[in-house]
Amino acid sequence: MVPEFLDALDFSSSVTGPIFLFLGLGAWLRRIGIINDAFIEIGSRLIFNFTMPTLLFISISKTRLELSAETSLIIFGLVVTVLTWVATEATVRITVPIPADRNVVAQGIFRSNMAVIGLAYCVSAYGNSVLATAALYLGSVIIVLNVLSAVTFGPSLQRRNGPGHILGAVALSPLIIAIALALLVSISGIHLPGLLLQSGEYFGQMTLPLALLCTGAALDFRSLRHNLRNTLLATFGKLFFVPLVFVALGVLFGFQGKDLGILLLMSSAPSAAAGYAMVRTMGGNEALAANITVLTTVGSLLTTTAGLVILKTNGLI
């Protein structure tokens, strides 16, 4: 039993360890002044508009996908995402006394930073071979998460641009467009020129290191002094409830190996930084949103490690 546990611990630490180091490096570089707000803003725009779409496009387009296997994983992810959102909305109505804070807590629980941390977890665990599957899962679930966020912030959105504007922006996002184009290339069997593939791979490979550095640099631990009760509620929901639902139902429906690993790693990702931006735009409790982002980002490293150990020890992944 001890050797199996040590093997599982070594595997899990090899997955979360590099993520922790890059986040810590980003925080340290910010502290000594090498990284500043301008770097974070420009780096984030470069990642989400160019390097990450390139990474996902190249990964999917050069892979001949087994669509039946991918479809079952994606449908499962979509259905369980909606279920966790319903449970979250019902829970915050009971547990969060201030109505204005309910949407902040709810979004902190159901909206995950899968595009950076979740994807980094998957690549760290299984290598680039899992990128295509993880990218399809990511692209599908992100659309639903943004729709649900629009519903959660419905009244605030209606006072500004309206839910239709938000959903339109999601549909036209570079990530979604890149995945759609890559699917067309993959399904049609088109072979891209070697120069384009190699150049795209070089460009895309900067995505995760740069994204993790920017995420680490953007963490502000000073904000944790406020709204502690609601912060802890959202953190528990995000890091314990959501992964438990995904993994338990995943096992029940027969997922195992890499597929179950993807479900754990994507659902274990911390609250999305985009959630903080939305709360700030909507004039909500941005301090609470920042708290949730910081605490779930740090806590995710520990809970994901524990989850991997449990599944690995039991031979499920």
C-alpha atoms as a PDB file:
ATOM      1  CA  MET A   1       0.000   0.000   0.000  1.00  0.00           C
ATOM      2  CA  VAL A   2       2.816   2.412   0.883  1.00  0.00           C
ATOM      3  CA  PRO A   3       4.609   2.085  -2.503  1.00  0.00           C
ATOM      4  CA  GLU A   4       1.329   2.715  -4.340  1.00  0.00           C
ATOM      5  CA  PHE A   5       0.672   5.793  -2.224  1.00  0.00           C
ATOM      6  CA  LEU A   6       4.179   7.146  -2.782  1.00  0.00           C
ATOM      7  CA  ASP A   7       3.862   6.539  -6.516  1.00  0.00           C
ATOM      8  CA  ALA A   8       0.522   8.379  -6.562  1.00  0.00           C
ATOM      9  CA  LEU A   9       2.000  11.230  -4.513  1.00  0.00           C
ATOM     10  CA  ASP A  10       4.958  11.512  -6.890  1.00  0.00           C
ATOM     11  CA  PHE A  11       2.607  11.621  -9.888  1.00  0.00           C
ATOM     12  CA  SER A  12       0.311  14.240  -8.358  1.00  0.00           C
ATOM     13  CA  SER A  13       3.165  16.473  -7.214  1.00  0.00           C
ATOM     14  CA  SER A  14       4.698  16.305 -10.696  1.00  0.00           C
ATOM     15  CA  VAL A  15       1.386  17.635 -12.046  1.00  0.00           C
ATOM     16  CA  THR A  16       0.777  20.503  -9.614  1.00  0.00           C
ATOM     17  CA  GLY A  17       4.415  21.252  -8.701  1.00  0.00           C
ATOM     18  CA  PRO A  18       5.353  23.024 -11.966  1.00  0.00           C
ATOM     19  CA  ILE A  19       2.129  25.063 -11.822  1.00  0.00           C
ATOM     20  CA  PHE A  20       2.974  26.175  -8.278  1.00  0.00           C
ATOM     21  CA  LEU A  21       6.515  27.144  -9.295  1.00  0.00           C
ATOM     22  CA  PHE A  22       5.358  29.256 -12.238  1.00  0.00           C
ATOM     23  CA  LEU A  23       2.668  30.988 -10.172  1.00  0.00           C
ATOM     24  CA  GLY A  24       5.213  31.659  -7.427  1.00  0.00           C
ATOM     25  CA  LEU A  25       7.732  32.927  -9.971  1.00  0.00           C
ATOM     26  CA  GLY A  26       5.145  35.311 -11.394  1.00  0.00           C
ATOM     27  CA  ALA A  27       4.340  36.646  -7.907  1.00  0.00           C
ATOM     28  CA  TRP A  28       8.050  37.073  -7.116  1.00  0.00           C
ATOM     29  CA  LEU A  29       8.830  38.835 -10.410  1.00  0.00           C
ATOM     30  CA  ARG A  30       5.925  41.196  -9.716  1.00  0.00           C
ATOM     31  CA  ARG A  31       7.271  41.861  -6.226  1.00  0.00           C
ATOM     32  CA  ILE A  32      10.751  42.816  -7.444  1.00  0.00           C
ATOM     33  CA  GLY A  33       9.376  44.953 -10.268  1.00  0.00           C
ATOM     34  CA  ILE A  34      10.279  42.842 -13.313  1.00  0.00           C
ATOM     35  CA  ILE A  35       6.581  42.288 -14.057  1.00  0.00           C
ATOM     36  CA  ASN A  36       4.132  45.184 -13.753  1.00  0.00           C
ATOM     37  CA  ASP A  37       0.492  45.897 -14.576  1.00  0.00           C
ATOM     38  CA  ALA A  38       1.320  46.778 -18.181  1.00  0.00           C
ATOM     39  CA  PHE A  39       3.119  43.457 -18.673  1.00  0.00           C
ATOM     40  CA  ILE A  40       0.160  41.546 -17.220  1.00  0.00           C
ATOM     41  CA  GLU A  41      -2.341  43.389 -19.422  1.00  0.00           C
ATOM     42  CA  ILE A  42      -0.334  43.018 -22.641  1.00  0.00           C
ATOM     43  CA  GLY A  43       0.617  39.417 -21.837  1.00  0.00           C
ATOM     44  CA  SER A  44      -2.994  38.477 -21.133  1.00  0.00           C
ATOM     45  CA  ARG A  45      -4.185  40.019 -24.412  1.00  0.00           C
ATOM     46  CA  LEU A  46      -1.409  38.235 -26.311  1.00  0.00           C
ATOM     47  CA  ILE A  47      -2.364  34.903 -24.717  1.00  0.00           C
ATOM     48  CA  PHE A  48      -6.123  34.976 -25.222  1.00  0.00           C
ATOM     49  CA  ASN A  49      -6.125  36.641 -28.636  1.00  0.00           C
ATOM     50  CA  PHE A  50      -3.171  34.919 -30.273  1.00  0.00           C
ATOM     51  CA  THR A  51      -1.003  32.310 -28.562  1.00  0.00           C
ATOM     52  CA  MET A  52      -3.716  30.205 -26.931  1.00  0.00           C
ATOM     53  CA  PRO A  53      -5.943  30.092 -30.036  1.00  0.00           C
ATOM     54  CA  THR A  54      -2.830  29.043 -31.981  1.00  0.00           C
ATOM     55  CA  LEU A  55      -2.013  26.334 -29.434  1.00  0.00           C
ATOM     56  CA  LEU A  56      -5.539  24.908 -29.540  1.00  0.00           C
ATOM     57  CA  PHE A  57      -5.800  25.150 -33.328  1.00  0.00           C
ATOM     58  CA  ILE A  58      -2.534  23.309 -33.960  1.00  0.00           C
ATOM     59  CA  SER A  59      -3.279  20.638 -31.340  1.00  0.00           C
ATOM     60  CA  ILE A  60      -6.740  19.821 -32.699  1.00  0.00           C
ATOM     61  CA  SER A  61      -6.097  20.264 -36.422  1.00  0.00           C
ATOM     62  CA  LYS A  62      -3.207  17.789 -36.564  1.00  0.00           C
ATOM     63  CA  THR A  63      -5.062  15.144 -34.540  1.00  0.00           C
ATOM     64  CA  ARG A  64      -7.501  12.669 -36.063  1.00  0.00           C
ATOM     65  CA  LEU A  65     -10.111  12.688 -33.344  1.00  0.00           C
ATOM     66  CA  GLU A  66     -12.274   9.779 -32.231  1.00  0.00           C
ATOM     67  CA  LEU A  67     -15.431  11.851 -32.240  1.00  0.00           C
ATOM     68  CA  SER A  68     -17.600   9.277 -30.453  1.00  0.00           C
ATOM     69  CA  ALA A  69     -15.245   9.176 -27.469  1.00  0.00           C
ATOM     70  CA  GLU A  70     -14.827  12.971 -27.405  1.00  0.00           C
ATOM     71  CA  THR A  71     -18.583  13.542 -27.701  1.00  0.00           C
ATOM     72  CA  SER A  72     -19.456  11.458 -24.636  1.00  0.00           C
ATOM     73  CA  LEU A  73     -16.912  13.336 -22.507  1.00  0.00           C
ATOM     74  CA  ILE A  74     -18.086  16.728 -23.771  1.00  0.00           C
ATOM     75  CA  ILE A  75     -21.800  15.987 -23.298  1.00  0.00           C
ATOM     76  CA  PHE A  76     -21.104  14.733 -19.784  1.00  0.00           C
ATOM     77  CA  GLY A  77     -19.124  17.885 -18.993  1.00  0.00           C
ATOM     78  CA  LEU A  78     -21.870  20.153 -20.295  1.00  0.00           C
ATOM     79  CA  VAL A  79     -24.654  18.397 -18.389  1.00  0.00           C
ATOM     80  CA  VAL A  80     -22.773  18.297 -15.091  1.00  0.00           C
ATOM     81  CA  THR A  81     -21.709  21.928 -15.497  1.00  0.00           C
ATOM     82  CA  VAL A  82     -25.372  22.945 -15.699  1.00  0.00           C
ATOM     83  CA  LEU A  83     -26.237  20.727 -12.719  1.00  0.00           C
ATOM     84  CA  THR A  84     -23.522  22.286 -10.551  1.00  0.00           C
ATOM     85  CA  TRP A  85     -24.706  25.745 -11.569  1.00  0.00           C
ATOM     86  CA  VAL A  86     -28.283  24.938 -10.524  1.00  0.00           C
ATOM     87  CA  ALA A  87     -27.100  23.542  -7.182  1.00  0.00           C
ATOM     88  CA  THR A  88     -24.847  26.568  -6.658  1.00  0.00           C
ATOM     89  CA  GLU A  89     -27.583  29.095  -7.373  1.00  0.00           C
ATOM     90  CA  ALA A  90     -29.923  27.320  -4.965  1.00  0.00           C
ATOM     91  CA  THR A  91     -27.260  27.130  -2.249  1.00  0.00           C
ATOM     92  CA  VAL A  92     -26.179  30.792  -2.334  1.00  0.00           C
ATOM     93  CA  ARG A  93     -29.778  31.952  -1.997  1.00  0.00           C
ATOM     94  CA  ILE A  94     -29.853  30.192   1.372  1.00  0.00           C
ATOM     95  CA  THR A  95     -26.305  30.752   2.642  1.00  0.00           C
ATOM     96  CA  VAL A  96     -25.414  34.275   1.445  1.00  0.00           C
ATOM     97  CA  PRO A  97     -27.507  36.872   3.291  1.00  0.00           C
ATOM     98  CA  ILE A  98     -26.579  39.899   1.124  1.00  0.00           C
ATOM     99  CA  PRO A  99     -28.351  39.621  -2.260  1.00  0.00           C
ATOM    100  CA  ALA A 100     -25.691  41.686  -4.064  1.00  0.00           C
ATOM    101  CA  ASP A 101     -22.987  39.178  -3.073  1.00  0.00           C
ATOM    102  CA  ARG A 102     -24.852  36.079  -4.216  1.00  0.00           C
ATOM    103  CA  ASN A 103     -23.928  36.322  -7.878  1.00  0.00           C
ATOM    104  CA  VAL A 104     -20.266  36.899  -6.950  1.00  0.00           C
ATOM    105  CA  VAL A 105     -20.143  33.792  -4.765  1.00  0.00           C
ATOM    106  CA  ALA A 106     -22.107  31.732  -7.295  1.00  0.00           C
ATOM    107  CA  GLN A 107     -19.784  32.631 -10.154  1.00  0.00           C
ATOM    108  CA  GLY A 108     -16.760  31.946  -7.966  1.00  0.00           C
ATOM    109  CA  ILE A 109     -18.020  28.398  -7.470  1.00  0.00           C
ATOM    110  CA  PHE A 110     -19.172  27.323 -10.929  1.00  0.00           C
ATOM    111  CA  ARG A 111     -16.881  29.322 -13.261  1.00  0.00           C
ATOM    112  CA  SER A 112     -13.412  27.769 -13.558  1.00  0.00           C
ATOM    113  CA  ASN A 113     -10.085  29.004 -14.876  1.00  0.00           C
ATOM    114  CA  MET A 114      -9.873  26.032 -17.239  1.00  0.00           C
ATOM    115  CA  ALA A 115      -8.229  27.929 -20.085  1.00  0.00           C
ATOM    116  CA  VAL A 116      -5.044  28.501 -18.073  1.00  0.00           C
ATOM    117  CA  ILE A 117      -4.823  26.402 -14.900  1.00  0.00           C
ATOM    118  CA  GLY A 118      -7.049  23.520 -16.046  1.00  0.00           C
ATOM    119  CA  LEU A 119      -5.264  23.175 -19.372  1.00  0.00           C
ATOM    120  CA  ALA A 120      -1.882  23.453 -17.646  1.00  0.00           C
ATOM    121  CA  TYR A 121      -2.886  20.677 -15.224  1.00  0.00           C
ATOM    122  CA  CYS A 122      -3.851  18.399 -18.125  1.00  0.00           C
ATOM    123  CA  VAL A 123      -0.653  19.018 -20.086  1.00  0.00           C
ATOM    124  CA  SER A 124       1.454  18.580 -16.951  1.00  0.00           C
ATOM    125  CA  ALA A 125      -0.267  15.271 -16.193  1.00  0.00           C
ATOM    126  CA  TYR A 126      -0.471  13.696 -19.657  1.00  0.00           C
ATOM    127  CA  GLY A 127       1.692  15.763 -22.006  1.00  0.00           C
ATOM    128  CA  ASN A 128       0.727  17.381 -25.294  1.00  0.00           C
ATOM    129  CA  SER A 129      -1.040  14.193 -26.429  1.00  0.00           C
ATOM    130  CA  VAL A 130      -4.069  15.190 -24.357  1.00  0.00           C
ATOM    131  CA  LEU A 131      -4.248  18.742 -25.684  1.00  0.00           C
ATOM    132  CA  ALA A 132      -6.760  18.033 -28.452  1.00  0.00           C
ATOM    133  CA  THR A 133      -9.255  16.313 -26.143  1.00  0.00           C
ATOM    134  CA  ALA A 134      -8.774  18.911 -23.402  1.00  0.00           C
ATOM    135  CA  ALA A 135      -9.180  21.730 -25.923  1.00  0.00           C
ATOM    136  CA  LEU A 136     -12.500  20.384 -27.226  1.00  0.00           C
ATOM    137  CA  TYR A 137     -13.761  19.929 -23.673  1.00  0.00           C
ATOM    138  CA  LEU A 138     -12.533  23.413 -22.774  1.00  0.00           C
ATOM    139  CA  GLY A 139     -14.128  25.115 -25.779  1.00  0.00           C
ATOM    140  CA  SER A 140     -17.510  23.483 -25.241  1.00  0.00           C
ATOM    141  CA  VAL A 141     -17.748  24.060 -21.504  1.00  0.00           C
ATOM    142  CA  ILE A 142     -16.470  27.643 -21.716  1.00  0.00           C
ATOM    143  CA  ILE A 143     -19.429  28.574 -23.937  1.00  0.00           C
ATOM    144  CA  VAL A 144     -21.886  27.165 -21.394  1.00  0.00           C
ATOM    145  CA  LEU A 145     -20.066  28.811 -18.467  1.00  0.00           C
ATOM    146  CA  ASN A 146     -20.313  32.209 -20.154  1.00  0.00           C
ATOM    147  CA  VAL A 147     -23.999  31.687 -20.871  1.00  0.00           C
ATOM    148  CA  LEU A 148     -24.597  30.763 -17.229  1.00  0.00           C
ATOM    149  CA  SER A 149     -22.603  33.787 -16.079  1.00  0.00           C
ATOM    150  CA  ALA A 150     -24.816  35.984 -18.241  1.00  0.00           C
ATOM    151  CA  VAL A 151     -27.869  34.458 -16.543  1.00  0.00           C
ATOM    152  CA  THR A 152     -26.360  34.913 -13.079  1.00  0.00           C
ATOM    153  CA  PHE A 153     -25.604  38.582 -13.756  1.00  0.00           C
ATOM    154  CA  GLY A 154     -28.776  39.095 -15.810  1.00  0.00           C
ATOM    155  CA  PRO A 155     -30.140  42.231 -14.086  1.00  0.00           C
ATOM    156  CA  SER A 156     -26.755  43.966 -14.141  1.00  0.00           C
ATOM    157  CA  LEU A 157     -26.149  43.029 -17.769  1.00  0.00           C
ATOM    158  CA  GLN A 158     -29.525  44.387 -18.823  1.00  0.00           C
ATOM    159  CA  ARG A 159     -28.592  47.771 -17.382  1.00  0.00           C
ATOM    160  CA  ARG A 160     -25.494  47.807 -19.590  1.00  0.00           C
ATOM    161  CA  ASN A 161     -24.901  45.890 -22.783  1.00  0.00           C
ATOM    162  CA  GLY A 162     -27.484  43.129 -22.406  1.00  0.00           C
ATOM    163  CA  PRO A 163     -26.887  39.352 -22.289  1.00  0.00           C
ATOM    164  CA  GLY A 164     -26.964  39.174 -26.099  1.00  0.00           C
ATOM    165  CA  HIS A 165     -23.882  41.374 -26.320  1.00  0.00           C
ATOM    166  CA  ILE A 166     -21.991  39.144 -23.884  1.00  0.00           C
ATOM    167  CA  LEU A 167     -23.001  35.931 -25.652  1.00  0.00           C
ATOM    168  CA  GLY A 168     -22.095  37.413 -29.016  1.00  0.00           C
ATOM    169  CA  ALA A 169     -18.649  38.278 -27.708  1.00  0.00           C
ATOM    170  CA  VAL A 170     -18.217  34.680 -26.537  1.00  0.00           C
ATOM    171  CA  ALA A 171     -19.224  33.266 -29.923  1.00  0.00           C
ATOM    172  CA  LEU A 172     -16.693  35.545 -31.650  1.00  0.00           C
ATOM    173  CA  SER A 173     -13.885  34.929 -29.181  1.00  0.00           C
ATOM    174  CA  PRO A 174     -10.561  33.823 -30.714  1.00  0.00           C
ATOM    175  CA  LEU A 175     -10.595  30.597 -28.660  1.00  0.00           C
ATOM    176  CA  ILE A 176     -13.967  29.466 -30.010  1.00  0.00           C
ATOM    177  CA  ILE A 177     -13.118  30.456 -33.580  1.00  0.00           C
ATOM    178  CA  ALA A 178      -9.761  28.630 -33.405  1.00  0.00           C
ATOM    179  CA  ILE A 179     -11.395  25.426 -32.130  1.00  0.00           C
ATOM    180  CA  ALA A 180     -14.138  25.566 -34.789  1.00  0.00           C
ATOM    181  CA  LEU A 181     -11.607  26.035 -37.593  1.00  0.00           C
ATOM    182  CA  ALA A 182      -9.384  23.293 -36.198  1.00  0.00           C
ATOM    183  CA  LEU A 183     -12.327  20.874 -36.145  1.00  0.00           C
ATOM    184  CA  LEU A 184     -13.013  21.592 -39.797  1.00  0.00           C
ATOM    185  CA  VAL A 185      -9.371  20.893 -40.674  1.00  0.00           C
ATOM    186  CA  SER A 186      -9.272  17.714 -38.574  1.00  0.00           C
ATOM    187  CA  ILE A 187     -12.541  16.269 -39.874  1.00  0.00           C
ATOM    188  CA  SER A 188     -11.792  17.130 -43.520  1.00  0.00           C
ATOM    189  CA  GLY A 189      -8.369  15.489 -43.337  1.00  0.00           C
ATOM    190  CA  ILE A 190      -6.527  18.542 -44.663  1.00  0.00           C
ATOM    191  CA  HIS A 191      -2.767  18.351 -44.096  1.00  0.00           C
ATOM    192  CA  LEU A 192      -1.321  21.701 -43.104  1.00  0.00           C
ATOM    193  CA  PRO A 193       2.139  22.681 -44.408  1.00  0.00           C
ATOM    194  CA  GLY A 194       5.017  21.675 -42.162  1.00  0.00           C
ATOM    195  CA  LEU A 195       6.229  25.277 -41.956  1.00  0.00           C
ATOM    196  CA  LEU A 196       2.831  26.418 -40.638  1.00  0.00           C
ATOM    197  CA  LEU A 197       2.641  23.576 -38.094  1.00  0.00           C
ATOM    198  CA  GLN A 198       6.159  24.075 -36.770  1.00  0.00           C
ATOM    199  CA  SER A 199       5.823  27.860 -36.561  1.00  0.00           C
ATOM    200  CA  GLY A 200       2.434  27.505 -34.886  1.00  0.00           C
ATOM    201  CA  GLU A 201       3.826  25.079 -32.332  1.00  0.00           C
ATOM    202  CA  TYR A 202       6.678  27.462 -31.452  1.00  0.00           C
ATOM    203  CA  PHE A 203       4.227  30.328 -31.042  1.00  0.00           C
ATOM    204  CA  GLY A 204       1.685  28.290 -29.072  1.00  0.00           C
ATOM    205  CA  GLN A 205       4.247  26.827 -26.694  1.00  0.00           C
ATOM    206  CA  MET A 206       4.686  30.165 -24.959  1.00  0.00           C
ATOM    207  CA  THR A 207       1.024  30.137 -23.895  1.00  0.00           C
ATOM    208  CA  LEU A 208       1.010  28.217 -20.623  1.00  0.00           C
ATOM    209  CA  PRO A 209       4.296  29.535 -19.134  1.00  0.00           C
ATOM    210  CA  LEU A 210       3.347  33.136 -19.932  1.00  0.00           C
ATOM    211  CA  ALA A 211      -0.236  32.658 -18.720  1.00  0.00           C
ATOM    212  CA  LEU A 212       0.919  31.187 -15.417  1.00  0.00           C
ATOM    213  CA  LEU A 213       3.426  33.994 -14.883  1.00  0.00           C
ATOM    214  CA  CYS A 214       0.712  36.600 -15.494  1.00  0.00           C
ATOM    215  CA  THR A 215      -1.725  34.762 -13.206  1.00  0.00           C
ATOM    216  CA  GLY A 216       0.824  34.574 -10.400  1.00  0.00           C
ATOM    217  CA  ALA A 217       1.763  38.228 -10.818  1.00  0.00           C
ATOM    218  CA  ALA A 218      -1.893  39.277 -10.692  1.00  0.00           C
ATOM    219  CA  LEU A 219      -2.567  37.605  -7.314  1.00  0.00           C
ATOM    220  CA  ASP A 220      -3.082  40.116  -4.511  1.00  0.00           C
ATOM    221  CA  PHE A 221      -3.039  38.459  -1.094  1.00  0.00           C
ATOM    222  CA  ARG A 222      -3.808  41.725   0.724  1.00  0.00           C
ATOM    223  CA  SER A 223      -7.442  41.486  -0.344  1.00  0.00           C
ATOM    224  CA  LEU A 224      -7.979  38.357   1.775  1.00  0.00           C
ATOM    225  CA  ARG A 225      -8.602  40.446   4.882  1.00  0.00           C
ATOM    226  CA  HIS A 226     -12.172  41.198   3.797  1.00  0.00           C
ATOM    227  CA  ASN A 227     -15.350  39.150   3.182  1.00  0.00           C
ATOM    228  CA  LEU A 228     -13.811  36.041   4.763  1.00  0.00           C
ATOM    229  CA  ARG A 229     -17.042  34.086   5.317  1.00  0.00           C
ATOM    230  CA  ASN A 230     -18.256  34.325   1.736  1.00  0.00           C
ATOM    231  CA  THR A 231     -14.739  33.771   0.430  1.00  0.00           C
ATOM    232  CA  LEU A 232     -14.464  30.498   2.349  1.00  0.00           C
ATOM    233  CA  LEU A 233     -17.935  29.430   1.180  1.00  0.00           C
ATOM    234  CA  ALA A 234     -17.020  29.977  -2.463  1.00  0.00           C
ATOM    235  CA  THR A 235     -13.634  28.314  -1.991  1.00  0.00           C
ATOM    236  CA  PHE A 236     -15.185  25.209  -0.456  1.00  0.00           C
ATOM    237  CA  GLY A 237     -17.740  25.005  -3.242  1.00  0.00           C
ATOM    238  CA  LYS A 238     -15.168  25.482  -5.992  1.00  0.00           C
ATOM    239  CA  LEU A 239     -12.421  23.217  -4.675  1.00  0.00           C
ATOM    240  CA  PHE A 240     -14.427  20.450  -2.972  1.00  0.00           C
ATOM    241  CA  PHE A 241     -18.053  20.352  -4.102  1.00  0.00           C
ATOM    242  CA  VAL A 242     -17.553  20.852  -7.850  1.00  0.00           C
ATOM    243  CA  PRO A 243     -14.671  18.342  -8.325  1.00  0.00           C
ATOM    244  CA  LEU A 244     -16.464  15.801  -6.119  1.00  0.00           C
ATOM    245  CA  VAL A 245     -19.603  15.991  -8.275  1.00  0.00           C
ATOM    246  CA  PHE A 246     -17.674  15.685 -11.540  1.00  0.00           C
ATOM    247  CA  VAL A 247     -15.505  12.789 -10.382  1.00  0.00           C
ATOM    248  CA  ALA A 248     -18.237  10.855  -8.565  1.00  0.00           C
ATOM    249  CA  LEU A 249     -20.627  11.074 -11.505  1.00  0.00           C
ATOM    250  CA  GLY A 250     -17.746  10.405 -13.899  1.00  0.00           C
ATOM    251  CA  VAL A 251     -16.928   7.147 -12.137  1.00  0.00           C
ATOM    252  CA  LEU A 252     -20.627   6.265 -12.022  1.00  0.00           C
ATOM    253  CA  PHE A 253     -20.893   6.726 -15.799  1.00  0.00           C
ATOM    254  CA  GLY A 254     -17.798   4.663 -16.499  1.00  0.00           C
ATOM    255  CA  PHE A 255     -15.121   7.266 -17.220  1.00  0.00           C
ATOM    256  CA  GLN A 256     -11.583   6.267 -16.287  1.00  0.00           C
ATOM    257  CA  GLY A 257      -7.964   6.862 -17.202  1.00  0.00           C
ATOM    258  CA  LYS A 258      -7.248  10.109 -19.063  1.00  0.00           C
ATOM    259  CA  ASP A 259     -10.929  10.995 -19.449  1.00  0.00           C
ATOM    260  CA  LEU A 260     -11.522  10.856 -15.699  1.00  0.00           C
ATOM    261  CA  GLY A 261      -8.251  12.699 -15.188  1.00  0.00           C
ATOM    262  CA  ILE A 262      -9.446  15.499 -17.472  1.00  0.00           C
ATOM    263  CA  LEU A 263     -12.716  15.744 -15.543  1.00  0.00           C
ATOM    264  CA  LEU A 264     -10.843  16.025 -12.244  1.00  0.00           C
ATOM    265  CA  LEU A 265      -8.208  18.480 -13.483  1.00  0.00           C
ATOM    266  CA  MET A 266     -10.605  20.786 -15.306  1.00  0.00           C
ATOM    267  CA  SER A 267     -13.145  20.849 -12.468  1.00  0.00           C
ATOM    268  CA  SER A 268     -10.366  21.367  -9.894  1.00  0.00           C
ATOM    269  CA  ALA A 269      -9.162  24.546 -11.606  1.00  0.00           C
ATOM    270  CA  PRO A 270      -9.635  27.670  -9.467  1.00  0.00           C
ATOM    271  CA  SER A 271     -12.194  30.391 -10.037  1.00  0.00           C
ATOM    272  CA  ALA A 272     -11.748  32.206 -13.334  1.00  0.00           C
ATOM    273  CA  ALA A 273      -9.952  35.537 -13.310  1.00  0.00           C
ATOM    274  CA  ALA A 274     -12.473  36.624 -15.948  1.00  0.00           C
ATOM    275  CA  GLY A 275     -15.104  36.387 -13.218  1.00  0.00           C
ATOM    276  CA  TYR A 276     -13.357  39.172 -11.297  1.00  0.00           C
ATOM    277  CA  ALA A 277     -13.310  41.330 -14.425  1.00  0.00           C
ATOM    278  CA  MET A 278     -17.043  40.787 -14.946  1.00  0.00           C
ATOM    279  CA  VAL A 279     -17.862  41.633 -11.319  1.00  0.00           C
ATOM    280  CA  ARG A 280     -15.792  44.800 -11.560  1.00  0.00           C
ATOM    281  CA  THR A 281     -17.500  45.812 -14.804  1.00  0.00           C
ATOM    282  CA  MET A 282     -20.921  45.183 -13.287  1.00  0.00           C
ATOM    283  CA  GLY A 283     -20.110  47.319 -10.245  1.00  0.00           C
ATOM    284  CA  GLY A 284     -20.328  44.342  -7.855  1.00  0.00           C
ATOM    285  CA  ASN A 285     -18.284  43.368  -4.813  1.00  0.00           C
ATOM    286  CA  GLU A 286     -14.910  43.256  -6.538  1.00  0.00           C
ATOM    287  CA  ALA A 287     -12.999  42.738  -3.267  1.00  0.00           C
ATOM    288  CA  LEU A 288     -14.961  39.522  -2.672  1.00  0.00           C
ATOM    289  CA  ALA A 289     -14.335  38.405  -6.265  1.00  0.00           C
ATOM    290  CA  ALA A 290     -10.600  39.062  -5.854  1.00  0.00           C
ATOM    291  CA  ASN A 291     -10.572  37.099  -2.577  1.00  0.00           C
ATOM    292  CA  ILE A 292     -12.182  34.099  -4.246  1.00  0.00           C
ATOM    293  CA  THR A 293      -9.748  34.175  -7.164  1.00  0.00           C
ATOM    294  CA  VAL A 294      -6.690  34.334  -4.889  1.00  0.00           C
ATOM    295  CA  LEU A 295      -7.747  31.710  -2.349  1.00  0.00           C
ATOM    296  CA  THR A 296      -9.024  29.194  -4.902  1.00  0.00           C
ATOM    297  CA  THR A 297      -5.878  29.602  -7.007  1.00  0.00           C
ATOM    298  CA  VAL A 298      -3.627  28.752  -4.070  1.00  0.00           C
ATOM    299  CA  GLY A 299      -5.965  26.127  -2.608  1.00  0.00           C
ATOM    300  CA  SER A 300      -6.432  24.396  -5.968  1.00  0.00           C
ATOM    301  CA  LEU A 301      -2.817  23.246  -5.901  1.00  0.00           C
ATOM    302  CA  LEU A 302      -3.459  21.350  -2.661  1.00  0.00           C
ATOM    303  CA  THR A 303      -6.901  19.931  -3.428  1.00  0.00           C
ATOM    304  CA  THR A 304      -5.887  18.854  -6.937  1.00  0.00           C
ATOM    305  CA  THR A 305      -2.861  17.049  -5.526  1.00  0.00           C
ATOM    306  CA  ALA A 306      -5.098  15.276  -3.008  1.00  0.00           C
ATOM    307  CA  GLY A 307      -7.625  14.340  -5.700  1.00  0.00           C
ATOM    308  CA  LEU A 308      -4.934  12.900  -7.953  1.00  0.00           C
ATOM    309  CA  VAL A 309      -3.495  10.866  -5.084  1.00  0.00           C
ATOM    310  CA  ILE A 310      -6.912   9.386  -4.245  1.00  0.00           C
ATOM    311  CA  LEU A 311      -7.757   8.470  -7.852  1.00  0.00           C
ATOM    312  CA  LYS A 312      -4.275   7.179  -8.636  1.00  0.00           C
ATOM    313  CA  THR A 313      -4.131   5.050  -5.460  1.00  0.00           C
ATOM    314  CA  ASN A 314      -7.463   3.474  -6.374  1.00  0.00           C
ATOM    315  CA  GLY A 315      -6.374   2.764  -9.941  1.00  0.00           C
ATOM    316  CA  LEU A 316      -8.952   5.066 -11.538  1.00  0.00           C
ATOM    317  CA  ILE A 317      -6.474   7.181 -13.516  1.00  0.00           C
END
